[in-house]
C-alpha cells in the first residue's frame, strides 16, 4: 500500500492512517471475501452484503424496512433486493395476511454465502494476527475503546445500528 507523506501533526497522521485502514478493510473484509466465495464474475457489492446482513438479523423484511434499516433510499434498497434475488441470495414472497405487501428474506444460499464470507474474513484476520505483536483480544480491546468514544455521537451510533442491525451497550458491534 502506498503510504502518504508523514505528517508532523500526530492527529493528522492518525487521520491519514485511519483513512487508509478504512479503504484496506473494505477490500480485505468485504470485496475479497465476496469474490472468493462467489467468484469474480458474480459481483456482490458492499451495499448488497449489508443488505444480506440486515436480512440475516430479521426473519423477513419489507423493502421499506430495509431502506429504513440501512439508511438508504427506497430505490437503492429495491435495486439491492433485485440483484440479490437475481443471484438466488434472497427471495420475495407475498405476505399471507396482506397480498399487497412483498416480504424479502434470505435464501439458504444467502445464509450460506454470509457464513462463508465470515469464515474467509476470520481466516484472513487469523493470518494477520500471527504477524502482529498484539493478540486479537488486545487489539479488540483497544479498538473497542476507540469505538466507544466515537459512538457517543448519535449520528454515528445510528449509522452503526443501521449497518449492523444492532450495537451492544459495551461498545461492541
C-alpha atoms as a PDB file:
ATOM      1  CA  UNK A   1       0.000   0.000   0.000  1.00  0.00           C
ATOM      2  CA  UNK A   2       1.285   3.446  -0.850  1.00  0.00           C
ATOM      3  CA  UNK A   3       1.991   5.485   2.246  1.00  0.00           C
ATOM      4  CA  UNK A   4       1.043   9.130   2.424  1.00  0.00           C
ATOM      5  CA  UNK A   5       3.877  11.519   3.305  1.00  0.00           C
ATOM      6  CA  UNK A   6       4.415  11.533   7.059  1.00  0.00           C
ATOM      7  CA  UNK A   7       2.843  14.396   8.925  1.00  0.00           C
ATOM      8  CA  UNK A   8       4.374  16.379  11.764  1.00  0.00           C
ATOM      9  CA  UNK A   9       0.912  16.590  13.316  1.00  0.00           C
ATOM     10  CA  UNK A  10       0.149  13.292  15.138  1.00  0.00           C
ATOM     11  CA  UNK A  11      -3.623  13.713  14.724  1.00  0.00           C
ATOM     12  CA  UNK A  12      -3.273  14.386  11.001  1.00  0.00           C
ATOM     13  CA  UNK A  13      -1.040  11.315  10.698  1.00  0.00           C
ATOM     14  CA  UNK A  14      -3.616   9.242  12.598  1.00  0.00           C
ATOM     15  CA  UNK A  15      -6.369  10.572  10.328  1.00  0.00           C
ATOM     16  CA  UNK A  16      -4.390   9.536   7.236  1.00  0.00           C
ATOM     17  CA  UNK A  17      -3.706   6.100   8.697  1.00  0.00           C
ATOM     18  CA  UNK A  18      -7.363   5.565   9.611  1.00  0.00           C
ATOM     19  CA  UNK A  19      -8.498   6.538   6.094  1.00  0.00           C
ATOM     20  CA  UNK A  20      -6.016   4.078   4.593  1.00  0.00           C
ATOM     21  CA  UNK A  21      -7.178   1.440   7.075  1.00  0.00           C
ATOM     22  CA  UNK A  22     -10.803   2.037   6.090  1.00  0.00           C
ATOM     23  CA  UNK A  23     -10.002   1.502   2.410  1.00  0.00           C
ATOM     24  CA  UNK A  24      -7.907  -1.581   3.161  1.00  0.00           C
ATOM     25  CA  UNK A  25     -10.650  -3.081   5.338  1.00  0.00           C
ATOM     26  CA  UNK A  26     -13.236  -2.578   2.593  1.00  0.00           C
ATOM     27  CA  UNK A  27     -11.018  -4.659   0.315  1.00  0.00           C
ATOM     28  CA  UNK A  28      -9.972  -7.420   2.714  1.00  0.00           C
ATOM     29  CA  UNK A  29     -13.191  -7.757   4.719  1.00  0.00           C
ATOM     30  CA  UNK A  30     -15.795  -7.147   2.010  1.00  0.00           C
ATOM     31  CA  UNK A  31     -14.637  -7.255  -1.614  1.00  0.00           C
ATOM     32  CA  UNK A  32     -12.070 -10.048  -1.425  1.00  0.00           C
ATOM     33  CA  UNK A  33     -14.137 -12.484   0.698  1.00  0.00           C
ATOM     34  CA  UNK A  34     -17.135 -11.970  -1.593  1.00  0.00           C
ATOM     35  CA  UNK A  35     -15.003 -12.610  -4.683  1.00  0.00           C
ATOM     36  CA  UNK A  36     -13.520 -15.729  -3.065  1.00  0.00           C
ATOM     37  CA  UNK A  37     -16.913 -17.135  -2.094  1.00  0.00           C
ATOM     38  CA  UNK A  38     -18.898 -16.152  -5.191  1.00  0.00           C
ATOM     39  CA  UNK A  39     -16.212 -15.840  -7.840  1.00  0.00           C
ATOM     40  CA  UNK A  40     -15.152 -12.741  -9.716  1.00  0.00           C
ATOM     41  CA  UNK A  41     -17.937 -13.000 -12.296  1.00  0.00           C
ATOM     42  CA  UNK A  42     -20.751 -12.859  -9.716  1.00  0.00           C
ATOM     43  CA  UNK A  43     -20.239  -9.434  -8.196  1.00  0.00           C
ATOM     44  CA  UNK A  44     -21.991  -8.592  -4.939  1.00  0.00           C
ATOM     45  CA  UNK A  45     -21.299  -5.106  -3.672  1.00  0.00           C
ATOM     46  CA  UNK A  46     -20.656  -3.974  -0.135  1.00  0.00           C
ATOM     47  CA  UNK A  47     -24.152  -2.437  -0.089  1.00  0.00           C
ATOM     48  CA  UNK A  48     -25.645  -5.763  -1.105  1.00  0.00           C
ATOM     49  CA  UNK A  49     -23.616  -7.526   1.598  1.00  0.00           C
ATOM     50  CA  UNK A  50     -25.003  -5.077   4.156  1.00  0.00           C
ATOM     51  CA  UNK A  51     -28.494  -5.901   2.859  1.00  0.00           C
ATOM     52  CA  UNK A  52     -27.765  -9.609   3.314  1.00  0.00           C
ATOM     53  CA  UNK A  53     -26.540  -8.956   6.856  1.00  0.00           C
ATOM     54  CA  UNK A  54     -29.664  -6.919   7.598  1.00  0.00           C
ATOM     55  CA  UNK A  55     -31.909  -9.708   6.298  1.00  0.00           C
ATOM     56  CA  UNK A  56     -29.944 -12.206   8.374  1.00  0.00           C
ATOM     57  CA  UNK A  57     -30.793 -10.207  11.511  1.00  0.00           C
ATOM     58  CA  UNK A  58     -34.558 -10.476  10.869  1.00  0.00           C
ATOM     59  CA  UNK A  59     -36.829 -13.286   9.724  1.00  0.00           C
ATOM     60  CA  UNK A  60     -38.153 -11.187   6.841  1.00  0.00           C
ATOM     61  CA  UNK A  61     -38.413  -7.528   5.874  1.00  0.00           C
ATOM     62  CA  UNK A  62     -40.298  -5.263   3.550  1.00  0.00           C
ATOM     63  CA  UNK A  63     -38.188  -3.229   1.126  1.00  0.00           C
ATOM     64  CA  UNK A  64     -39.138  -0.125   3.111  1.00  0.00           C
ATOM     65  CA  UNK A  65     -37.832  -1.799   6.278  1.00  0.00           C
ATOM     66  CA  UNK A  66     -34.536  -2.500   4.526  1.00  0.00           C
ATOM     67  CA  UNK A  67     -34.269   1.094   3.286  1.00  0.00           C
ATOM     68  CA  UNK A  68     -35.004   2.499   6.747  1.00  0.00           C
ATOM     69  CA  UNK A  69     -32.805  -0.048   8.484  1.00  0.00           C
ATOM     70  CA  UNK A  70     -29.788   0.664   6.308  1.00  0.00           C
ATOM     71  CA  UNK A  71     -30.417   4.388   5.932  1.00  0.00           C
ATOM     72  CA  UNK A  72     -30.663   4.192   2.146  1.00  0.00           C
ATOM     73  CA  UNK A  73     -33.318   5.295  -0.320  1.00  0.00           C
ATOM     74  CA  UNK A  74     -36.225   3.050  -1.240  1.00  0.00           C
ATOM     75  CA  UNK A  75     -34.985   2.777  -4.866  1.00  0.00           C
ATOM     76  CA  UNK A  76     -31.497   1.790  -3.641  1.00  0.00           C
ATOM     77  CA  UNK A  77     -33.000  -0.882  -1.387  1.00  0.00           C
ATOM     78  CA  UNK A  78     -35.171  -2.139  -4.250  1.00  0.00           C
ATOM     79  CA  UNK A  79     -32.124  -2.361  -6.529  1.00  0.00           C
ATOM     80  CA  UNK A  80     -30.125  -4.267  -3.885  1.00  0.00           C
ATOM     81  CA  UNK A  81     -33.014  -6.689  -3.316  1.00  0.00           C
ATOM     82  CA  UNK A  82     -33.472  -7.165  -7.090  1.00  0.00           C
ATOM     83  CA  UNK A  83     -29.815  -8.083  -7.521  1.00  0.00           C
ATOM     84  CA  UNK A  84     -29.780 -10.389  -4.501  1.00  0.00           C
ATOM     85  CA  UNK A  85     -32.920 -12.148  -5.746  1.00  0.00           C
ATOM     86  CA  UNK A  86     -31.415 -12.468  -9.252  1.00  0.00           C
ATOM     87  CA  UNK A  87     -28.406 -14.221  -7.681  1.00  0.00           C
ATOM     88  CA  UNK A  88     -30.553 -16.526  -5.560  1.00  0.00           C
ATOM     89  CA  UNK A  89     -29.337 -14.972  -2.300  1.00  0.00           C
ATOM     90  CA  UNK A  90     -32.719 -13.544  -1.266  1.00  0.00           C
ATOM     91  CA  UNK A  91     -36.319 -14.166  -2.232  1.00  0.00           C
ATOM     92  CA  UNK A  92     -39.530 -12.190  -2.349  1.00  0.00           C
ATOM     93  CA  UNK A  93     -42.923 -13.530  -1.381  1.00  0.00           C
ATOM     94  CA  UNK A  94     -46.377 -12.125  -0.713  1.00  0.00           C
ATOM     95  CA  UNK A  95     -47.469 -11.546   2.870  1.00  0.00           C
ATOM     96  CA  UNK A  96     -50.042 -14.207   3.836  1.00  0.00           C
ATOM     97  CA  UNK A  97     -52.182 -11.594   5.626  1.00  0.00           C
ATOM     98  CA  UNK A  98     -51.895  -8.794   3.050  1.00  0.00           C
ATOM     99  CA  UNK A  99     -51.089  -9.794  -0.531  1.00  0.00           C
ATOM    100  CA  UNK A 100     -50.149  -6.190  -1.355  1.00  0.00           C
ATOM    101  CA  UNK A 101     -47.099  -6.470   0.903  1.00  0.00           C
ATOM    102  CA  UNK A 102     -44.000  -8.105  -0.539  1.00  0.00           C
ATOM    103  CA  UNK A 103     -41.652  -9.580   2.028  1.00  0.00           C
ATOM    104  CA  UNK A 104     -37.976 -10.346   1.482  1.00  0.00           C
ATOM    105  CA  UNK A 105     -35.916 -12.997   3.229  1.00  0.00           C
ATOM    106  CA  UNK A 106     -32.605 -14.760   2.794  1.00  0.00           C
ATOM    107  CA  UNK A 107     -32.463 -17.997   0.892  1.00  0.00           C
ATOM    108  CA  UNK A 108     -30.463 -20.952   2.162  1.00  0.00           C
ATOM    109  CA  UNK A 109     -27.797 -19.919  -0.356  1.00  0.00           C
ATOM    110  CA  UNK A 110     -27.797 -16.359   1.024  1.00  0.00           C
ATOM    111  CA  UNK A 111     -27.251 -17.675   4.551  1.00  0.00           C
ATOM    112  CA  UNK A 112     -24.509 -19.977   3.308  1.00  0.00           C
ATOM    113  CA  UNK A 113     -22.744 -17.136   1.474  1.00  0.00           C
ATOM    114  CA  UNK A 114     -22.825 -14.994   4.627  1.00  0.00           C
ATOM    115  CA  UNK A 115     -21.310 -17.839   6.656  1.00  0.00           C
ATOM    116  CA  UNK A 116     -18.604 -18.453   4.048  1.00  0.00           C
ATOM    117  CA  UNK A 117     -17.765 -14.741   3.835  1.00  0.00           C
ATOM    118  CA  UNK A 118     -17.427 -14.634   7.629  1.00  0.00           C
ATOM    119  CA  UNK A 119     -15.155 -17.696   7.514  1.00  0.00           C
ATOM    120  CA  UNK A 120     -12.970 -16.017   4.879  1.00  0.00           C
ATOM    121  CA  UNK A 121     -12.767 -12.867   6.990  1.00  0.00           C
ATOM    122  CA  UNK A 122     -11.835 -14.866  10.086  1.00  0.00           C
ATOM    123  CA  UNK A 123      -9.184 -16.797   8.173  1.00  0.00           C
ATOM    124  CA  UNK A 124      -7.680 -13.560   6.871  1.00  0.00           C
ATOM    125  CA  UNK A 125      -7.641 -11.930  10.304  1.00  0.00           C
ATOM    126  CA  UNK A 126      -6.011 -15.007  11.855  1.00  0.00           C
ATOM    127  CA  UNK A 127      -3.193 -14.686   9.329  1.00  0.00           C
ATOM    128  CA  UNK A 128      -2.759 -11.000  10.117  1.00  0.00           C
ATOM    129  CA  UNK A 129      -2.664 -11.528  13.876  1.00  0.00           C
ATOM    130  CA  UNK A 130       0.003 -14.191  13.534  1.00  0.00           C
ATOM    131  CA  UNK A 131       2.271 -11.354  12.347  1.00  0.00           C
ATOM    132  CA  UNK A 132       1.305  -8.745  14.969  1.00  0.00           C
ATOM    133  CA  UNK A 133       2.674  -8.365  18.490  1.00  0.00           C
ATOM    134  CA  UNK A 134      -0.836  -7.840  19.916  1.00  0.00           C
ATOM    135  CA  UNK A 135      -3.338 -10.643  20.325  1.00  0.00           C
ATOM    136  CA  UNK A 136      -6.772 -10.312  18.721  1.00  0.00           C
ATOM    137  CA  UNK A 137      -8.245  -9.770  22.209  1.00  0.00           C
ATOM    138  CA  UNK A 138      -5.789  -6.939  22.970  1.00  0.00           C
ATOM    139  CA  UNK A 139      -6.429  -5.273  19.609  1.00  0.00           C
ATOM    140  CA  UNK A 140     -10.184  -5.660  20.068  1.00  0.00           C
ATOM    141  CA  UNK A 141      -9.929  -4.058  23.489  1.00  0.00           C
ATOM    142  CA  UNK A 142      -8.094  -1.023  22.096  1.00  0.00           C
ATOM    143  CA  UNK A 143     -10.418  -0.652  19.108  1.00  0.00           C
ATOM    144  CA  UNK A 144     -13.448  -1.024  21.383  1.00  0.00           C
ATOM    145  CA  UNK A 145     -12.206   1.885  23.488  1.00  0.00           C
ATOM    146  CA  UNK A 146     -11.893   3.998  20.344  1.00  0.00           C
ATOM    147  CA  UNK A 147     -15.306   2.883  19.108  1.00  0.00           C
ATOM    148  CA  UNK A 148     -16.922   3.596  22.469  1.00  0.00           C
ATOM    149  CA  UNK A 149     -15.730   7.201  22.233  1.00  0.00           C
ATOM    150  CA  UNK A 150     -16.761   7.599  18.599  1.00  0.00           C
ATOM    151  CA  UNK A 151     -20.295   6.259  19.115  1.00  0.00           C
ATOM    152  CA  UNK A 152     -21.021   8.975  21.657  1.00  0.00           C
ATOM    153  CA  UNK A 153     -22.032  10.888  18.521  1.00  0.00           C
ATOM    154  CA  UNK A 154     -25.701   9.863  17.994  1.00  0.00           C
ATOM    155  CA  UNK A 155     -25.381  10.092  14.199  1.00  0.00           C
ATOM    156  CA  UNK A 156     -22.505   7.610  14.248  1.00  0.00           C
ATOM    157  CA  UNK A 157     -24.388   5.284  16.567  1.00  0.00           C
ATOM    158  CA  UNK A 158     -27.458   5.396  14.306  1.00  0.00           C
ATOM    159  CA  UNK A 159     -25.319   4.619  11.252  1.00  0.00           C
ATOM    160  CA  UNK A 160     -23.736   1.641  13.001  1.00  0.00           C
ATOM    161  CA  UNK A 161     -27.134   0.361  14.079  1.00  0.00           C
ATOM    162  CA  UNK A 162     -28.395   0.618  10.513  1.00  0.00           C
ATOM    163  CA  UNK A 163     -25.352  -1.138   9.095  1.00  0.00           C
ATOM    164  CA  UNK A 164     -25.125  -3.974  11.594  1.00  0.00           C
ATOM    165  CA  UNK A 165     -28.630  -4.350  12.874  1.00  0.00           C
ATOM    166  CA  UNK A 166     -27.512  -3.992  16.486  1.00  0.00           C
ATOM    167  CA  UNK A 167     -24.962  -2.433  18.803  1.00  0.00           C
ATOM    168  CA  UNK A 168     -24.111  -3.857  22.188  1.00  0.00           C
ATOM    169  CA  UNK A 169     -24.024  -1.384  25.048  1.00  0.00           C
ATOM    170  CA  UNK A 170     -20.380  -2.168  25.804  1.00  0.00           C
ATOM    171  CA  UNK A 171     -19.267  -0.514  22.556  1.00  0.00           C
ATOM    172  CA  UNK A 172     -19.005  -3.722  20.552  1.00  0.00           C
ATOM    173  CA  UNK A 173     -20.917  -4.136  17.340  1.00  0.00           C
END
